[in-house]
Amino acid sequence: MINMPGISFIDKLKLNAIKNPEELVEIAISHKNPEVCKAAVDRLKQLDLVDERKAALICTVAKETPHESVCRHAFSFCSESKLPDEIKLRMLEGAINKIKFESVKKEMERWLKEHK
């Protein structure tokens, strides 16, 4: 079980029981508690998925979440993943215009500039 401070026991059990990545993405995007959303992203990271798929799903969370802290958390995974830089560049360039938070966009722009 992931360490999940600030999350109810029931939510912890639900997150740990979910094996379907799309369900985790939905929770990460729609839950009212940003800590639950971040825990859903962390749970996605643990799933046995191809790295490209995992990064694409987490990038979707970054684009669609209404929580800035969740967006930043998802972006940090996308930028730090083990994928080759050219794949990360493509993913992040495609996502940057859909990010709702200026501070995260600026972080993404800095990352893109450093890795081009």
PDB file of N, CA and C in Angstrom:
ATOM      1  N   MET A   1       0.846  -1.183   0.000  1.00  0.00           N
ATOM      2  CA  MET A   1       0.000   0.000   0.000  1.00  0.00           C
ATOM      3  C   MET A   1       0.892   1.248   0.000  1.00  0.00           C
ATOM      4  N   ILE A   2       0.583   2.204  -0.849  1.00  0.00           N
ATOM      5  CA  ILE A   2       1.326   3.453  -0.943  1.00  0.00           C
ATOM      6  C   ILE A   2       1.086   4.258   0.327  1.00  0.00           C
ATOM      7  N   ASN A   3       2.094   5.003   0.785  1.00  0.00           N
ATOM      8  CA  ASN A   3       1.907   5.935   1.890  1.00  0.00           C
ATOM      9  C   ASN A   3       1.034   7.081   1.386  1.00  0.00           C
ATOM     10  N   MET A   4      -0.124   7.275   1.992  1.00  0.00           N
ATOM     11  CA  MET A   4      -1.083   8.264   1.502  1.00  0.00           C
ATOM     12  C   MET A   4      -1.591   9.142   2.640  1.00  0.00           C
ATOM     13  N   PRO A   5      -0.779  10.075   3.127  1.00  0.00           N
ATOM     14  CA  PRO A   5      -1.272  10.959   4.185  1.00  0.00           C
ATOM     15  C   PRO A   5      -2.389  11.858   3.662  1.00  0.00           C
ATOM     16  N   GLY A   6      -3.350  12.165   4.529  1.00  0.00           N
ATOM     17  CA  GLY A   6      -4.447  13.047   4.133  1.00  0.00           C
ATOM     18  C   GLY A   6      -5.534  12.369   3.323  1.00  0.00           C
ATOM     19  N   ILE A   7      -5.522  11.042   3.287  1.00  0.00           N
ATOM     20  CA  ILE A   7      -6.511  10.296   2.502  1.00  0.00           C
ATOM     21  C   ILE A   7      -7.225   9.322   3.430  1.00  0.00           C
ATOM     22  N   SER A   8      -8.540   9.260   3.295  1.00  0.00           N
ATOM     23  CA  SER A   8      -9.321   8.369   4.154  1.00  0.00           C
ATOM     24  C   SER A   8      -8.951   6.909   3.893  1.00  0.00           C
ATOM     25  N   PHE A   9      -9.177   6.096   4.895  1.00  0.00           N
ATOM     26  CA  PHE A   9      -8.883   4.671   4.795  1.00  0.00           C
ATOM     27  C   PHE A   9      -9.648   4.030   3.637  1.00  0.00           C
ATOM     28  N   ILE A  10     -10.905   4.419   3.472  1.00  0.00           N
ATOM     29  CA  ILE A  10     -11.739   3.866   2.387  1.00  0.00           C
ATOM     30  C   ILE A  10     -11.147   4.223   1.030  1.00  0.00           C
ATOM     31  N   ASP A  11     -10.746   5.496   0.847  1.00  0.00           N
ATOM     32  CA  ASP A  11     -10.135   5.903  -0.423  1.00  0.00           C
ATOM     33  C   ASP A  11      -8.828   5.152  -0.671  1.00  0.00           C
ATOM     34  N   LYS A  12      -8.041   4.926   0.382  1.00  0.00           N
ATOM     35  CA  LYS A  12      -6.796   4.157   0.236  1.00  0.00           C
ATOM     36  C   LYS A  12      -7.092   2.742  -0.262  1.00  0.00           C
ATOM     37  N   LEU A  13      -8.084   2.116   0.355  1.00  0.00           N
ATOM     38  CA  LEU A  13      -8.447   0.754  -0.061  1.00  0.00           C
ATOM     39  C   LEU A  13      -8.916   0.726  -1.511  1.00  0.00           C
ATOM     40  N   LYS A  14      -9.750   1.689  -1.881  1.00  0.00           N
ATOM     41  CA  LYS A  14     -10.251   1.748  -3.262  1.00  0.00           C
ATOM     42  C   LYS A  14      -9.100   1.897  -4.248  1.00  0.00           C
ATOM     43  N   LEU A  15      -8.207   2.857  -3.973  1.00  0.00           N
ATOM     44  CA  LEU A  15      -7.092   3.095  -4.894  1.00  0.00           C
ATOM     45  C   LEU A  15      -6.212   1.863  -5.044  1.00  0.00           C
ATOM     46  N   ASN A  16      -5.931   1.198  -3.947  1.00  0.00           N
ATOM     47  CA  ASN A  16      -5.069   0.017  -4.011  1.00  0.00           C
ATOM     48  C   ASN A  16      -5.736  -1.164  -4.693  1.00  0.00           C
ATOM     49  N   ALA A  17      -7.060  -1.192  -4.717  1.00  0.00           N
ATOM     50  CA  ALA A  17      -7.789  -2.298  -5.349  1.00  0.00           C
ATOM     51  C   ALA A  17      -7.933  -2.118  -6.858  1.00  0.00           C
ATOM     52  N   ILE A  18      -7.811  -0.898  -7.337  1.00  0.00           N
ATOM     53  CA  ILE A  18      -8.039  -0.621  -8.760  1.00  0.00           C
ATOM     54  C   ILE A  18      -6.854  -1.090  -9.595  1.00  0.00           C
ATOM     55  N   LYS A  19      -7.159  -1.857 -10.607  1.00  0.00           N
ATOM     56  CA  LYS A  19      -6.134  -2.353 -11.543  1.00  0.00           C
ATOM     57  C   LYS A  19      -6.294  -1.729 -12.931  1.00  0.00           C
ATOM     58  N   ASN A  20      -7.452  -1.135 -13.186  1.00  0.00           N
ATOM     59  CA  ASN A  20      -7.754  -0.550 -14.492  1.00  0.00           C
ATOM     60  C   ASN A  20      -7.171   0.866 -14.568  1.00  0.00           C
ATOM     61  N   PRO A  21      -6.218   1.105 -15.467  1.00  0.00           N
ATOM     62  CA  PRO A  21      -5.586   2.418 -15.537  1.00  0.00           C
ATOM     63  C   PRO A  21      -6.558   3.556 -15.866  1.00  0.00           C
ATOM     64  N   GLU A  22      -7.568   3.279 -16.694  1.00  0.00           N
ATOM     65  CA  GLU A  22      -8.524   4.328 -17.048  1.00  0.00           C
ATOM     66  C   GLU A  22      -9.330   4.779 -15.831  1.00  0.00           C
ATOM     67  N   GLU A  23      -9.639   3.841 -14.939  1.00  0.00           N
ATOM     68  CA  GLU A  23     -10.341   4.199 -13.699  1.00  0.00           C
ATOM     69  C   GLU A  23      -9.471   5.102 -12.834  1.00  0.00           C
ATOM     70  N   LEU A  24      -8.190   4.792 -12.765  1.00  0.00           N
ATOM     71  CA  LEU A  24      -7.277   5.624 -11.977  1.00  0.00           C
ATOM     72  C   LEU A  24      -7.149   7.019 -12.573  1.00  0.00           C
ATOM     73  N   VAL A  25      -7.104   7.103 -13.901  1.00  0.00           N
ATOM     74  CA  VAL A  25      -7.056   8.413 -14.561  1.00  0.00           C
ATOM     75  C   VAL A  25      -8.309   9.203 -14.215  1.00  0.00           C
ATOM     76  N   GLU A  26      -9.458   8.556 -14.274  1.00  0.00           N
ATOM     77  CA  GLU A  26     -10.726   9.225 -13.957  1.00  0.00           C
ATOM     78  C   GLU A  26     -10.725   9.762 -12.524  1.00  0.00           C
ATOM     79  N   ILE A  27     -10.242   8.968 -11.590  1.00  0.00           N
ATOM     80  CA  ILE A  27     -10.156   9.425 -10.197  1.00  0.00           C
ATOM     81  C   ILE A  27      -9.169  10.582 -10.086  1.00  0.00           C
ATOM     82  N   ALA A  28      -8.027  10.458 -10.748  1.00  0.00           N
ATOM     83  CA  ALA A  28      -7.002  11.505 -10.685  1.00  0.00           C
ATOM     84  C   ALA A  28      -7.499  12.827 -11.252  1.00  0.00           C
ATOM     85  N   ILE A  29      -8.418  12.760 -12.191  1.00  0.00           N
ATOM     86  CA  ILE A  29      -8.950  13.970 -12.821  1.00  0.00           C
ATOM     87  C   ILE A  29     -10.140  14.532 -12.051  1.00  0.00           C
ATOM     88  N   SER A  30     -10.961  13.667 -11.482  1.00  0.00           N
ATOM     89  CA  SER A  30     -12.257  14.133 -10.994  1.00  0.00           C
ATOM     90  C   SER A  30     -12.441  14.194  -9.481  1.00  0.00           C
ATOM     91  N   HIS A  31     -11.567  13.579  -8.712  1.00  0.00           N
ATOM     92  CA  HIS A  31     -11.785  13.571  -7.260  1.00  0.00           C
ATOM     93  C   HIS A  31     -11.607  14.983  -6.697  1.00  0.00           C
ATOM     94  N   LYS A  32     -12.405  15.315  -5.702  1.00  0.00           N
ATOM     95  CA  LYS A  32     -12.361  16.660  -5.107  1.00  0.00           C
ATOM     96  C   LYS A  32     -11.122  16.876  -4.244  1.00  0.00           C
ATOM     97  N   ASN A  33     -10.583  15.804  -3.675  1.00  0.00           N
ATOM     98  CA  ASN A  33      -9.416  15.909  -2.801  1.00  0.00           C
ATOM     99  C   ASN A  33      -8.145  15.754  -3.643  1.00  0.00           C
ATOM    100  N   PRO A  34      -7.336  16.817  -3.753  1.00  0.00           N
ATOM    101  CA  PRO A  34      -6.109  16.724  -4.559  1.00  0.00           C
ATOM    102  C   PRO A  34      -5.154  15.626  -4.089  1.00  0.00           C
ATOM    103  N   GLU A  35      -5.169  15.319  -2.798  1.00  0.00           N
ATOM    104  CA  GLU A  35      -4.287  14.259  -2.294  1.00  0.00           C
ATOM    105  C   GLU A  35      -4.701  12.894  -2.841  1.00  0.00           C
ATOM    106  N   VAL A  36      -5.994  12.672  -2.977  1.00  0.00           N
ATOM    107  CA  VAL A  36      -6.486  11.425  -3.579  1.00  0.00           C
ATOM    108  C   VAL A  36      -6.082  11.391  -5.052  1.00  0.00           C
ATOM    109  N   CYS A  37      -6.187  12.528  -5.721  1.00  0.00           N
ATOM    110  CA  CYS A  37      -5.793  12.608  -7.137  1.00  0.00           C
ATOM    111  C   CYS A  37      -4.317  12.262  -7.309  1.00  0.00           C
ATOM    112  N   LYS A  38      -3.466  12.833  -6.466  1.00  0.00           N
ATOM    113  CA  LYS A  38      -2.030  12.544  -6.550  1.00  0.00           C
ATOM    114  C   LYS A  38      -1.750  11.075  -6.232  1.00  0.00           C
ATOM    115  N   ALA A  39      -2.479  10.531  -5.273  1.00  0.00           N
ATOM    116  CA  ALA A  39      -2.307   9.109  -4.945  1.00  0.00           C
ATOM    117  C   ALA A  39      -2.724   8.229  -6.124  1.00  0.00           C
ATOM    118  N   ALA A  40      -3.751   8.646  -6.863  1.00  0.00           N
ATOM    119  CA  ALA A  40      -4.165   7.894  -8.056  1.00  0.00           C
ATOM    120  C   ALA A  40      -3.055   7.929  -9.110  1.00  0.00           C
ATOM    121  N   VAL A  41      -2.392   9.079  -9.255  1.00  0.00           N
ATOM    122  CA  VAL A  41      -1.248   9.180 -10.179  1.00  0.00           C
ATOM    123  C   VAL A  41      -0.132   8.247  -9.705  1.00  0.00           C
ATOM    124  N   ASP A  42       0.143   8.264  -8.409  1.00  0.00           N
ATOM    125  CA  ASP A  42       1.181   7.375  -7.870  1.00  0.00           C
ATOM    126  C   ASP A  42       0.831   5.906  -8.097  1.00  0.00           C
ATOM    127  N   ARG A  43      -0.434   5.585  -7.971  1.00  0.00           N
ATOM    128  CA  ARG A  43      -0.894   4.205  -8.212  1.00  0.00           C
ATOM    129  C   ARG A  43      -0.705   3.837  -9.689  1.00  0.00           C
ATOM    130  N   LEU A  44      -0.991   4.793 -10.571  1.00  0.00           N
ATOM    131  CA  LEU A  44      -0.755   4.568 -12.009  1.00  0.00           C
ATOM    132  C   LEU A  44       0.715   4.255 -12.267  1.00  0.00           C
ATOM    133  N   LYS A  45       1.601   4.967 -11.583  1.00  0.00           N
ATOM    134  CA  LYS A  45       3.043   4.747 -11.753  1.00  0.00           C
ATOM    135  C   LYS A  45       3.426   3.312 -11.406  1.00  0.00           C
ATOM    136  N   GLN A  46       2.713   2.715 -10.457  1.00  0.00           N
ATOM    137  CA  GLN A  46       3.037   1.363  -9.994  1.00  0.00           C
ATOM    138  C   GLN A  46       2.522   0.262 -10.908  1.00  0.00           C
ATOM    139  N   LEU A  47       1.538   0.570 -11.733  1.00  0.00           N
ATOM    140  CA  LEU A  47       0.949  -0.469 -12.579  1.00  0.00           C
ATOM    141  C   LEU A  47       1.970  -0.997 -13.576  1.00  0.00           C
ATOM    142  N   ASP A  48       1.804  -2.239 -13.936  1.00  0.00           N
ATOM    143  CA  ASP A  48       2.690  -2.889 -14.893  1.00  0.00           C
ATOM    144  C   ASP A  48       2.215  -2.558 -16.307  1.00  0.00           C
ATOM    145  N   LEU A  49       2.580  -1.360 -16.758  1.00  0.00           N
ATOM    146  CA  LEU A  49       2.210  -0.893 -18.095  1.00  0.00           C
ATOM    147  C   LEU A  49       3.472  -0.530 -18.860  1.00  0.00           C
ATOM    148  N   VAL A  50       3.375  -0.511 -20.166  1.00  0.00           N
ATOM    149  CA  VAL A  50       4.471  -0.022 -20.999  1.00  0.00           C
ATOM    150  C   VAL A  50       4.690   1.446 -20.625  1.00  0.00           C
ATOM    151  N   ASP A  51       5.947   1.861 -20.521  1.00  0.00           N
ATOM    152  CA  ASP A  51       6.258   3.221 -20.068  1.00  0.00           C
ATOM    153  C   ASP A  51       5.566   4.305 -20.888  1.00  0.00           C
ATOM    154  N   GLU A  52       5.483   4.118 -22.219  1.00  0.00           N
ATOM    155  CA  GLU A  52       4.837   5.118 -23.068  1.00  0.00           C
ATOM    156  C   GLU A  52       3.363   5.271 -22.705  1.00  0.00           C
ATOM    157  N   ARG A  53       2.703   4.159 -22.458  1.00  0.00           N
ATOM    158  CA  ARG A  53       1.278   4.180 -22.084  1.00  0.00           C
ATOM    159  C   ARG A  53       1.097   4.856 -20.731  1.00  0.00           C
ATOM    160  N   LYS A  54       1.939   4.487 -19.795  1.00  0.00           N
ATOM    161  CA  LYS A  54       1.872   5.065 -18.454  1.00  0.00           C
ATOM    162  C   LYS A  54       2.063   6.585 -18.525  1.00  0.00           C
ATOM    163  N   ALA A  55       3.074   7.031 -19.263  1.00  0.00           N
ATOM    164  CA  ALA A  55       3.341   8.467 -19.390  1.00  0.00           C
ATOM    165  C   ALA A  55       2.191   9.180 -20.097  1.00  0.00           C
ATOM    166  N   ALA A  56       1.619   8.552 -21.118  1.00  0.00           N
ATOM    167  CA  ALA A  56       0.495   9.172 -21.835  1.00  0.00           C
ATOM    168  C   ALA A  56      -0.714   9.334 -20.913  1.00  0.00           C
ATOM    169  N   LEU A  57      -0.996   8.328 -20.104  1.00  0.00           N
ATOM    170  CA  LEU A  57      -2.119   8.410 -19.168  1.00  0.00           C
ATOM    171  C   LEU A  57      -1.887   9.512 -18.132  1.00  0.00           C
ATOM    172  N   ILE A  58      -0.679   9.578 -17.612  1.00  0.00           N
ATOM    173  CA  ILE A  58      -0.374  10.588 -16.597  1.00  0.00           C
ATOM    174  C   ILE A  58      -0.349  11.977 -17.217  1.00  0.00           C
ATOM    175  N   CYS A  59       0.069  12.079 -18.464  1.00  0.00           N
ATOM    176  CA  CYS A  59       0.019  13.356 -19.191  1.00  0.00           C
ATOM    177  C   CYS A  59      -1.437  13.807 -19.350  1.00  0.00           C
ATOM    178  N   THR A  60      -2.339  12.865 -19.568  1.00  0.00           N
ATOM    179  CA  THR A  60      -3.768  13.178 -19.651  1.00  0.00           C
ATOM    180  C   THR A  60      -4.246  13.799 -18.343  1.00  0.00           C
ATOM    181  N   VAL A  61      -3.793  13.257 -17.234  1.00  0.00           N
ATOM    182  CA  VAL A  61      -4.154  13.822 -15.929  1.00  0.00           C
ATOM    183  C   VAL A  61      -3.658  15.265 -15.841  1.00  0.00           C
ATOM    184  N   ALA A  62      -2.414  15.506 -16.247  1.00  0.00           N
ATOM    185  CA  ALA A  62      -1.857  16.866 -16.190  1.00  0.00           C
ATOM    186  C   ALA A  62      -2.696  17.839 -17.008  1.00  0.00           C
ATOM    187  N   LYS A  63      -3.190  17.390 -18.162  1.00  0.00           N
ATOM    188  CA  LYS A  63      -3.981  18.268 -19.036  1.00  0.00           C
ATOM    189  C   LYS A  63      -5.380  18.529 -18.499  1.00  0.00           C
ATOM    190  N   GLU A  64      -5.969  17.574 -17.806  1.00  0.00           N
ATOM    191  CA  GLU A  64      -7.391  17.666 -17.486  1.00  0.00           C
ATOM    192  C   GLU A  64      -7.727  17.951 -16.026  1.00  0.00           C
ATOM    193  N   THR A  65      -6.766  17.873 -15.132  1.00  0.00           N
ATOM    194  CA  THR A  65      -7.077  18.075 -13.718  1.00  0.00           C
ATOM    195  C   THR A  65      -7.436  19.532 -13.407  1.00  0.00           C
ATOM    196  N   PRO A  66      -8.368  19.732 -12.474  1.00  0.00           N
ATOM    197  CA  PRO A  66      -8.684  21.087 -12.034  1.00  0.00           C
ATOM    198  C   PRO A  66      -7.794  21.549 -10.869  1.00  0.00           C
ATOM    199  N   HIS A  67      -6.840  20.704 -10.453  1.00  0.00           N
ATOM    200  CA  HIS A  67      -5.982  21.013  -9.304  1.00  0.00           C
ATOM    201  C   HIS A  67      -4.546  21.278  -9.766  1.00  0.00           C
ATOM    202  N   GLU A  68      -4.023  22.450  -9.431  1.00  0.00           N
ATOM    203  CA  GLU A  68      -2.661  22.794  -9.837  1.00  0.00           C
ATOM    204  C   GLU A  68      -1.629  21.832  -9.250  1.00  0.00           C
ATOM    205  N   SER A  69      -1.786  21.453  -7.985  1.00  0.00           N
ATOM    206  CA  SER A  69      -0.806  20.556  -7.361  1.00  0.00           C
ATOM    207  C   SER A  69      -0.792  19.181  -8.044  1.00  0.00           C
ATOM    208  N   VAL A  70      -1.934  18.738  -8.509  1.00  0.00           N
ATOM    209  CA  VAL A  70      -2.021  17.452  -9.216  1.00  0.00           C
ATOM    210  C   VAL A  70      -1.362  17.581 -10.587  1.00  0.00           C
ATOM    211  N   CYS A  71      -1.598  18.691 -11.247  1.00  0.00           N
ATOM    212  CA  CYS A  71      -0.986  18.946 -12.555  1.00  0.00           C
ATOM    213  C   CYS A  71       0.539  18.924 -12.428  1.00  0.00           C
ATOM    214  N   ARG A  72       1.049  19.612 -11.420  1.00  0.00           N
ATOM    215  CA  ARG A  72       2.499  19.663 -11.193  1.00  0.00           C
ATOM    216  C   ARG A  72       3.042  18.258 -10.888  1.00  0.00           C
ATOM    217  N   HIS A  73       2.312  17.499 -10.082  1.00  0.00           N
ATOM    218  CA  HIS A  73       2.714  16.138  -9.716  1.00  0.00           C
ATOM    219  C   HIS A  73       2.775  15.246 -10.968  1.00  0.00           C
ATOM    220  N   ALA A  74       1.765  15.343 -11.808  1.00  0.00           N
ATOM    221  CA  ALA A  74       1.725  14.540 -13.037  1.00  0.00           C
ATOM    222  C   ALA A  74       2.838  14.962 -13.996  1.00  0.00           C
ATOM    223  N   PHE A  75       3.036  16.271 -14.153  1.00  0.00           N
ATOM    224  CA  PHE A  75       4.094  16.763 -15.036  1.00  0.00           C
ATOM    225  C   PHE A  75       5.460  16.271 -14.566  1.00  0.00           C
ATOM    226  N   SER A  76       5.682  16.268 -13.256  1.00  0.00           N
ATOM    227  CA  SER A  76       6.992  15.832 -12.763  1.00  0.00           C
ATOM    228  C   SER A  76       7.269  14.384 -13.169  1.00  0.00           C
ATOM    229  N   PHE A  77       6.239  13.536 -13.161  1.00  0.00           N
ATOM    230  CA  PHE A  77       6.455  12.160 -13.610  1.00  0.00           C
ATOM    231  C   PHE A  77       6.780  12.135 -15.099  1.00  0.00           C
ATOM    232  N   CYS A  78       5.994  12.873 -15.883  1.00  0.00           N
ATOM    233  CA  CYS A  78       6.201  12.861 -17.335  1.00  0.00           C
ATOM    234  C   CYS A  78       7.611  13.324 -17.688  1.00  0.00           C
ATOM    235  N   SER A  79       8.096  14.351 -17.011  1.00  0.00           N
ATOM    236  CA  SER A  79       9.416  14.887 -17.342  1.00  0.00           C
ATOM    237  C   SER A  79      10.551  14.025 -16.798  1.00  0.00           C
ATOM    238  N   GLU A  80      10.293  13.256 -15.736  1.00  0.00           N
ATOM    239  CA  GLU A  80      11.345  12.449 -15.120  1.00  0.00           C
ATOM    240  C   GLU A  80      11.288  10.971 -15.510  1.00  0.00           C
ATOM    241  N   SER A  81      10.335  10.594 -16.332  1.00  0.00           N
ATOM    242  CA  SER A  81      10.202   9.180 -16.686  1.00  0.00           C
ATOM    243  C   SER A  81      11.443   8.686 -17.428  1.00  0.00           C
ATOM    244  N   LYS A  82      11.545   7.383 -17.558  1.00  0.00           N
ATOM    245  CA  LYS A  82      12.703   6.758 -18.205  1.00  0.00           C
ATOM    246  C   LYS A  82      12.612   6.776 -19.728  1.00  0.00           C
ATOM    247  N   LEU A  83      11.559   7.366 -20.251  1.00  0.00           N
ATOM    248  CA  LEU A  83      11.400   7.424 -21.705  1.00  0.00           C
ATOM    249  C   LEU A  83      12.511   8.259 -22.330  1.00  0.00           C
ATOM    250  N   PRO A  84      12.854   7.978 -23.575  1.00  0.00           N
ATOM    251  CA  PRO A  84      13.831   8.818 -24.271  1.00  0.00           C
ATOM    252  C   PRO A  84      13.320  10.261 -24.371  1.00  0.00           C
ATOM    253  N   ASP A  85      14.248  11.210 -24.338  1.00  0.00           N
ATOM    254  CA  ASP A  85      13.872  12.628 -24.363  1.00  0.00           C
ATOM    255  C   ASP A  85      13.010  12.996 -25.566  1.00  0.00           C
ATOM    256  N   GLU A  86      13.264  12.390 -26.734  1.00  0.00           N
ATOM    257  CA  GLU A  86      12.474  12.761 -27.917  1.00  0.00           C
ATOM    258  C   GLU A  86      10.996  12.388 -27.744  1.00  0.00           C
ATOM    259  N   ILE A  87      10.718  11.297 -27.059  1.00  0.00           N
ATOM    260  CA  ILE A  87       9.321  10.913 -26.800  1.00  0.00           C
ATOM    261  C   ILE A  87       8.707  11.859 -25.778  1.00  0.00           C
ATOM    262  N   LYS A  88       9.458  12.166 -24.713  1.00  0.00           N
ATOM    263  CA  LYS A  88       8.956  13.106 -23.705  1.00  0.00           C
ATOM    264  C   LYS A  88       8.715  14.477 -24.331  1.00  0.00           C
ATOM    265  N   LEU A  89       9.614  14.907 -25.207  1.00  0.00           N
ATOM    266  CA  LEU A  89       9.442  16.195 -25.892  1.00  0.00           C
ATOM    267  C   LEU A  89       8.137  16.228 -26.667  1.00  0.00           C
ATOM    268  N   ARG A  90       7.880  15.179 -27.444  1.00  0.00           N
ATOM    269  CA  ARG A  90       6.638  15.115 -28.225  1.00  0.00           C
ATOM    270  C   ARG A  90       5.408  15.166 -27.327  1.00  0.00           C
ATOM    271  N   MET A  91       5.426  14.378 -26.259  1.00  0.00           N
ATOM    272  CA  MET A  91       4.283  14.340 -25.338  1.00  0.00           C
ATOM    273  C   MET A  91       4.044  15.698 -24.686  1.00  0.00           C
ATOM    274  N   LEU A  92       5.113  16.285 -24.187  1.00  0.00           N
ATOM    275  CA  LEU A  92       4.962  17.548 -23.463  1.00  0.00           C
ATOM    276  C   LEU A  92       4.622  18.699 -24.400  1.00  0.00           C
ATOM    277  N   GLU A  93       5.178  18.695 -25.601  1.00  0.00           N
ATOM    278  CA  GLU A  93       4.815  19.736 -26.574  1.00  0.00           C
ATOM    279  C   GLU A  93       3.336  19.639 -26.937  1.00  0.00           C
ATOM    280  N   GLY A  94       2.828  18.419 -27.031  1.00  0.00           N
ATOM    281  CA  GLY A  94       1.411  18.234 -27.339  1.00  0.00           C
ATOM    282  C   GLY A  94       0.498  18.603 -26.186  1.00  0.00           C
ATOM    283  N   ALA A  95       1.015  18.565 -24.980  1.00  0.00           N
ATOM    284  CA  ALA A  95       0.189  18.821 -23.795  1.00  0.00           C
ATOM    285  C   ALA A  95       0.226  20.268 -23.330  1.00  0.00           C
ATOM    286  N   ILE A  96       1.284  20.980 -23.637  1.00  0.00           N
ATOM    287  CA  ILE A  96       1.512  22.286 -23.006  1.00  0.00           C
ATOM    288  C   ILE A  96       0.360  23.275 -23.211  1.00  0.00           C
ATOM    289  N   ASN A  97      -0.240  23.293 -24.388  1.00  0.00           N
ATOM    290  CA  ASN A  97      -1.324  24.250 -24.649  1.00  0.00           C
ATOM    291  C   ASN A  97      -2.620  23.888 -23.935  1.00  0.00           C
ATOM    292  N   LYS A  98      -2.698  22.668 -23.430  1.00  0.00           N
ATOM    293  CA  LYS A  98      -3.916  22.233 -22.742  1.00  0.00           C
ATOM    294  C   LYS A  98      -3.800  22.349 -21.221  1.00  0.00           C
ATOM    295  N   ILE A  99      -2.627  22.716 -20.732  1.00  0.00           N
ATOM    296  CA  ILE A  99      -2.418  22.869 -19.290  1.00  0.00           C
ATOM    297  C   ILE A  99      -3.105  24.150 -18.830  1.00  0.00           C
ATOM    298  N   LYS A 100      -3.849  24.055 -17.747  1.00  0.00           N
ATOM    299  CA  LYS A 100      -4.657  25.180 -17.259  1.00  0.00           C
ATOM    300  C   LYS A 100      -3.883  26.146 -16.365  1.00  0.00           C
ATOM    301  N   PHE A 101      -2.706  25.776 -15.913  1.00  0.00           N
ATOM    302  CA  PHE A 101      -2.000  26.548 -14.893  1.00  0.00           C
ATOM    303  C   PHE A 101      -0.710  27.148 -15.451  1.00  0.00           C
ATOM    304  N   GLU A 102      -0.623  28.472 -15.397  1.00  0.00           N
ATOM    305  CA  GLU A 102       0.528  29.183 -15.965  1.00  0.00           C
ATOM    306  C   GLU A 102       1.845  28.750 -15.336  1.00  0.00           C
ATOM    307  N   SER A 103       1.858  28.551 -14.016  1.00  0.00           N
ATOM    308  CA  SER A 103       3.117  28.180 -13.358  1.00  0.00           C
ATOM    309  C   SER A 103       3.627  26.829 -13.876  1.00  0.00           C
ATOM    310  N   VAL A 104       2.725  25.907 -14.121  1.00  0.00           N
ATOM    311  CA  VAL A 104       3.126  24.591 -14.642  1.00  0.00           C
ATOM    312  C   VAL A 104       3.553  24.729 -16.102  1.00  0.00           C
ATOM    313  N   LYS A 105       2.832  25.549 -16.864  1.00  0.00           N
ATOM    314  CA  LYS A 105       3.227  25.790 -18.263  1.00  0.00           C
ATOM    315  C   LYS A 105       4.648  26.332 -18.328  1.00  0.00           C
ATOM    316  N   LYS A 106       4.962  27.278 -17.437  1.00  0.00           N
ATOM    317  CA  LYS A 106       6.311  27.860 -17.430  1.00  0.00           C
ATOM    318  C   LYS A 106       7.363  26.813 -17.086  1.00  0.00           C
ATOM    319  N   GLU A 107       7.056  25.937 -16.139  1.00  0.00           N
ATOM    320  CA  GLU A 107       7.975  24.835 -15.814  1.00  0.00           C
ATOM    321  C   GLU A 107       8.188  23.940 -17.028  1.00  0.00           C
ATOM    322  N   MET A 108       7.088  23.635 -17.722  1.00  0.00           N
ATOM    323  CA  MET A 108       7.169  22.785 -18.911  1.00  0.00           C
ATOM    324  C   MET A 108       8.000  23.464 -19.990  1.00  0.00           C
ATOM    325  N   GLU A 109       7.780  24.756 -20.186  1.00  0.00           N
ATOM    326  CA  GLU A 109       8.546  25.492 -21.197  1.00  0.00           C
ATOM    327  C   GLU A 109      10.034  25.465 -20.880  1.00  0.00           C
ATOM    328  N   ARG A 110      10.383  25.641 -19.595  1.00  0.00           N
ATOM    329  CA  ARG A 110      11.799  25.570 -19.196  1.00  0.00           C
ATOM    330  C   ARG A 110      12.367  24.182 -19.488  1.00  0.00           C
ATOM    331  N   TRP A 111      11.603  23.142 -19.147  1.00  0.00           N
ATOM    332  CA  TRP A 111      12.064  21.780 -19.380  1.00  0.00           C
ATOM    333  C   TRP A 111      12.262  21.544 -20.879  1.00  0.00           C
ATOM    334  N   LEU A 112      11.291  21.977 -21.678  1.00  0.00           N
ATOM    335  CA  LEU A 112      11.384  21.791 -23.129  1.00  0.00           C
ATOM    336  C   LEU A 112      12.602  22.516 -23.694  1.00  0.00           C
ATOM    337  N   LYS A 113      12.829  23.733 -23.234  1.00  0.00           N
ATOM    338  CA  LYS A 113      13.970  24.520 -23.717  1.00  0.00           C
ATOM    339  C   LYS A 113      15.290  23.819 -23.377  1.00  0.00           C
ATOM    340  N   GLU A 114      15.384  23.258 -22.178  1.00  0.00           N
ATOM    341  CA  GLU A 114      16.606  22.567 -21.745  1.00  0.00           C
ATOM    342  C   GLU A 114      16.859  21.268 -22.509  1.00  0.00           C
ATOM    343  N   HIS A 115      15.807  20.646 -23.013  1.00  0.00           N
ATOM    344  CA  HIS A 115      15.954  19.317 -23.614  1.00  0.00           C
ATOM    345  C   HIS A 115      15.810  19.288 -25.134  1.00  0.00           C
ATOM    346  N   LYS A 116      15.685  20.432 -25.749  1.00  0.00           N
ATOM    347  CA  LYS A 116      15.590  20.458 -27.222  1.00  0.00           C
ATOM    348  C   LYS A 116      16.957  20.428 -27.837  1.00  0.00           C
TER     349      LYS A 116
END
